[in-house]
Amino acid sequence: MSALAAGIIGGALGGMLGLLGTTITAYWGPRKLEQWRADRMDQPRKDLLLRLLEDEDFEFRTLDRLRIVSGTSEEECRRLLITIEARGVQLRGDKEGWALISRKPLEGSFKEDGS
């Protein structure tokens, strides 16, 4: 192989490896870091929500109570509740309530109400 061909192939391979390295460090690295930070912040909140929903004195907890105690927005609280396998219910007074599926299973809990 001539020196010119070896130089061209080496330059192309070096360029591709540089592009790959830049993509990994500029895109995947920050993305992984953000995911790690989010998981780190979510876990204490999930633990707190679990403790609230496992309390035997309460059948359901209102979204407002769960949101205030965990320090989250409504949407963030709902997201965390779903990840800990909780389900929502409609309580009296049109309030949104939540319970763990393990304590209040979905089977047989729905009746046809036309909605």
C-alpha atoms as a PDB file:
ATOM      1  CA  MET A   1       0.000   0.000   0.000  1.00  0.00           C
ATOM      2  CA  SER A   2       1.356   3.394  -0.873  1.00  0.00           C
ATOM      3  CA  ALA A   3       1.980   6.076   1.716  1.00  0.00           C
ATOM      4  CA  LEU A   4      -0.705   8.262   0.119  1.00  0.00           C
ATOM      5  CA  ALA A   5      -3.424   5.583   0.453  1.00  0.00           C
ATOM      6  CA  ALA A   6      -2.370   4.835   4.038  1.00  0.00           C
ATOM      7  CA  GLY A   7      -2.549   8.552   4.862  1.00  0.00           C
ATOM      8  CA  ILE A   8      -6.025   8.913   3.350  1.00  0.00           C
ATOM      9  CA  ILE A   9      -7.365   5.844   5.153  1.00  0.00           C
ATOM     10  CA  GLY A  10      -5.758   6.943   8.438  1.00  0.00           C
ATOM     11  CA  GLY A  11      -7.178  10.441   8.084  1.00  0.00           C
ATOM     12  CA  ALA A  12     -10.676   9.109   7.359  1.00  0.00           C
ATOM     13  CA  LEU A  13     -10.575   6.719  10.317  1.00  0.00           C
ATOM     14  CA  GLY A  14      -9.241   9.452  12.607  1.00  0.00           C
ATOM     15  CA  GLY A  15     -11.982  11.814  11.476  1.00  0.00           C
ATOM     16  CA  MET A  16     -14.704   9.235  12.089  1.00  0.00           C
ATOM     17  CA  LEU A  17     -13.327   8.420  15.544  1.00  0.00           C
ATOM     18  CA  GLY A  18     -13.161  12.128  16.354  1.00  0.00           C
ATOM     19  CA  LEU A  19     -16.764  12.604  15.253  1.00  0.00           C
ATOM     20  CA  LEU A  20     -17.868   9.637  17.340  1.00  0.00           C
ATOM     21  CA  GLY A  21     -15.978  10.907  20.393  1.00  0.00           C
ATOM     22  CA  THR A  22     -17.435  14.382  20.033  1.00  0.00           C
ATOM     23  CA  THR A  23     -20.957  12.990  19.709  1.00  0.00           C
ATOM     24  CA  ILE A  24     -20.562  10.867  22.815  1.00  0.00           C
ATOM     25  CA  THR A  25     -19.091  13.613  24.972  1.00  0.00           C
ATOM     26  CA  ALA A  26     -21.320  16.425  23.709  1.00  0.00           C
ATOM     27  CA  TYR A  27     -24.644  14.565  23.543  1.00  0.00           C
ATOM     28  CA  TRP A  28     -24.696  11.328  25.516  1.00  0.00           C
ATOM     29  CA  GLY A  29     -22.560  12.552  28.425  1.00  0.00           C
ATOM     30  CA  PRO A  30     -24.784  15.505  29.432  1.00  0.00           C
ATOM     31  CA  ARG A  31     -27.901  13.450  28.779  1.00  0.00           C
ATOM     32  CA  LYS A  32     -26.699  10.677  31.117  1.00  0.00           C
ATOM     33  CA  LEU A  33     -25.750  13.284  33.728  1.00  0.00           C
ATOM     34  CA  GLU A  34     -29.209  14.878  33.617  1.00  0.00           C
ATOM     35  CA  GLN A  35     -30.863  11.459  33.943  1.00  0.00           C
ATOM     36  CA  TRP A  36     -28.659  10.631  36.916  1.00  0.00           C
ATOM     37  CA  ARG A  37     -29.537  13.950  38.595  1.00  0.00           C
ATOM     38  CA  ALA A  38     -33.268  13.421  37.993  1.00  0.00           C
ATOM     39  CA  ASP A  39     -33.135   9.882  39.406  1.00  0.00           C
ATOM     40  CA  ARG A  40     -31.211  11.147  42.411  1.00  0.00           C
ATOM     41  CA  MET A  41     -33.874  13.785  43.114  1.00  0.00           C
ATOM     42  CA  ASP A  42     -36.811  11.450  42.403  1.00  0.00           C
ATOM     43  CA  GLN A  43     -35.880   8.618  44.769  1.00  0.00           C
ATOM     44  CA  PRO A  44     -36.417  10.479  48.081  1.00  0.00           C
ATOM     45  CA  ARG A  45     -39.729  11.787  46.771  1.00  0.00           C
ATOM     46  CA  LYS A  46     -40.801   8.299  45.690  1.00  0.00           C
ATOM     47  CA  ASP A  47     -39.888   6.960  49.135  1.00  0.00           C
ATOM     48  CA  LEU A  48     -41.938   9.696  50.802  1.00  0.00           C
ATOM     49  CA  LEU A  49     -44.944   9.043  48.550  1.00  0.00           C
ATOM     50  CA  LEU A  50     -44.706   5.319  49.309  1.00  0.00           C
ATOM     51  CA  ARG A  51     -44.683   5.998  53.051  1.00  0.00           C
ATOM     52  CA  LEU A  52     -47.771   8.187  52.729  1.00  0.00           C
ATOM     53  CA  LEU A  53     -49.660   5.635  50.623  1.00  0.00           C
ATOM     54  CA  GLU A  54     -48.672   2.673  52.819  1.00  0.00           C
ATOM     55  CA  ASP A  55     -50.140   4.322  55.935  1.00  0.00           C
ATOM     56  CA  GLU A  56     -52.854   1.934  57.159  1.00  0.00           C
ATOM     57  CA  ASP A  57     -54.912   4.816  58.596  1.00  0.00           C
ATOM     58  CA  PHE A  58     -55.741   6.119  55.117  1.00  0.00           C
ATOM     59  CA  GLU A  59     -57.453   4.282  52.280  1.00  0.00           C
ATOM     60  CA  PHE A  60     -56.643   7.022  49.738  1.00  0.00           C
ATOM     61  CA  ARG A  61     -54.591  10.215  49.788  1.00  0.00           C
ATOM     62  CA  THR A  62     -55.560  13.353  47.910  1.00  0.00           C
ATOM     63  CA  LEU A  63     -53.272  14.596  45.183  1.00  0.00           C
ATOM     64  CA  ASP A  64     -53.043  17.950  46.964  1.00  0.00           C
ATOM     65  CA  ARG A  65     -51.718  16.321  50.151  1.00  0.00           C
ATOM     66  CA  LEU A  66     -49.242  14.141  48.224  1.00  0.00           C
ATOM     67  CA  ARG A  67     -48.060  17.092  46.149  1.00  0.00           C
ATOM     68  CA  ILE A  68     -47.554  19.398  49.120  1.00  0.00           C
ATOM     69  CA  VAL A  69     -45.747  16.834  51.262  1.00  0.00           C
ATOM     70  CA  SER A  70     -43.438  15.725  48.428  1.00  0.00           C
ATOM     71  CA  GLY A  71     -42.793  19.267  47.191  1.00  0.00           C
ATOM     72  CA  THR A  72     -43.763  18.551  43.592  1.00  0.00           C
ATOM     73  CA  SER A  73     -46.054  20.008  40.961  1.00  0.00           C
ATOM     74  CA  GLU A  74     -49.256  18.165  40.058  1.00  0.00           C
ATOM     75  CA  GLU A  75     -47.789  16.661  36.888  1.00  0.00           C
ATOM     76  CA  GLU A  76     -44.516  15.687  38.542  1.00  0.00           C
ATOM     77  CA  CYS A  77     -46.383  14.112  41.450  1.00  0.00           C
ATOM     78  CA  ARG A  78     -48.596  12.103  39.084  1.00  0.00           C
ATOM     79  CA  ARG A  79     -45.497  10.911  37.189  1.00  0.00           C
ATOM     80  CA  LEU A  80     -43.841   9.751  40.403  1.00  0.00           C
ATOM     81  CA  LEU A  81     -47.041   8.075  41.616  1.00  0.00           C
ATOM     82  CA  ILE A  82     -47.308   6.066  38.415  1.00  0.00           C
ATOM     83  CA  THR A  83     -43.685   4.944  38.716  1.00  0.00           C
ATOM     84  CA  ILE A  84     -44.332   3.610  42.242  1.00  0.00           C
ATOM     85  CA  GLU A  85     -47.366   1.715  40.922  1.00  0.00           C
ATOM     86  CA  ALA A  86     -50.137   3.845  42.357  1.00  0.00           C
ATOM     87  CA  ARG A  87     -53.484   4.523  40.739  1.00  0.00           C
ATOM     88  CA  GLY A  88     -55.779   7.502  40.751  1.00  0.00           C
ATOM     89  CA  VAL A  89     -59.410   7.607  41.837  1.00  0.00           C
ATOM     90  CA  GLN A  90     -62.149  10.214  41.906  1.00  0.00           C
ATOM     91  CA  LEU A  91     -63.099  11.063  45.499  1.00  0.00           C
ATOM     92  CA  ARG A  92     -66.146  12.878  46.836  1.00  0.00           C
ATOM     93  CA  GLY A  93     -66.167  16.561  46.052  1.00  0.00           C
ATOM     94  CA  ASP A  94     -64.417  15.945  42.714  1.00  0.00           C
ATOM     95  CA  LYS A  95     -61.066  15.546  44.445  1.00  0.00           C
ATOM     96  CA  GLU A  96     -58.337  13.411  42.937  1.00  0.00           C
ATOM     97  CA  GLY A  97     -57.146  10.607  45.185  1.00  0.00           C
ATOM     98  CA  TRP A  98     -54.366   8.029  44.896  1.00  0.00           C
ATOM     99  CA  ALA A  99     -53.689   4.586  46.356  1.00  0.00           C
ATOM    100  CA  LEU A 100     -51.111   1.879  45.775  1.00  0.00           C
ATOM    101  CA  ILE A 101     -52.326  -0.768  43.346  1.00  0.00           C
ATOM    102  CA  SER A 102     -51.072  -3.421  45.776  1.00  0.00           C
ATOM    103  CA  ARG A 103     -53.514  -2.105  48.402  1.00  0.00           C
ATOM    104  CA  LYS A 104     -56.379  -1.217  46.043  1.00  0.00           C
ATOM    105  CA  PRO A 105     -56.148  -3.494  42.976  1.00  0.00           C
ATOM    106  CA  LEU A 106     -57.763  -2.500  39.714  1.00  0.00           C
ATOM    107  CA  GLU A 107     -59.556  -5.833  39.187  1.00  0.00           C
ATOM    108  CA  GLY A 108     -63.290  -5.494  39.689  1.00  0.00           C
ATOM    109  CA  SER A 109     -63.049  -1.874  40.834  1.00  0.00           C
ATOM    110  CA  PHE A 110     -64.618  -0.348  37.733  1.00  0.00           C
ATOM    111  CA  LYS A 111     -68.317  -0.278  37.004  1.00  0.00           C
ATOM    112  CA  GLU A 112     -69.839   0.920  33.768  1.00  0.00           C
ATOM    113  CA  ASP A 113     -70.968   4.476  34.407  1.00  0.00           C
ATOM    114  CA  GLY A 114     -71.417   5.656  30.844  1.00  0.00           C
ATOM    115  CA  SER A 115     -68.416   7.976  30.858  1.00  0.00           C
END
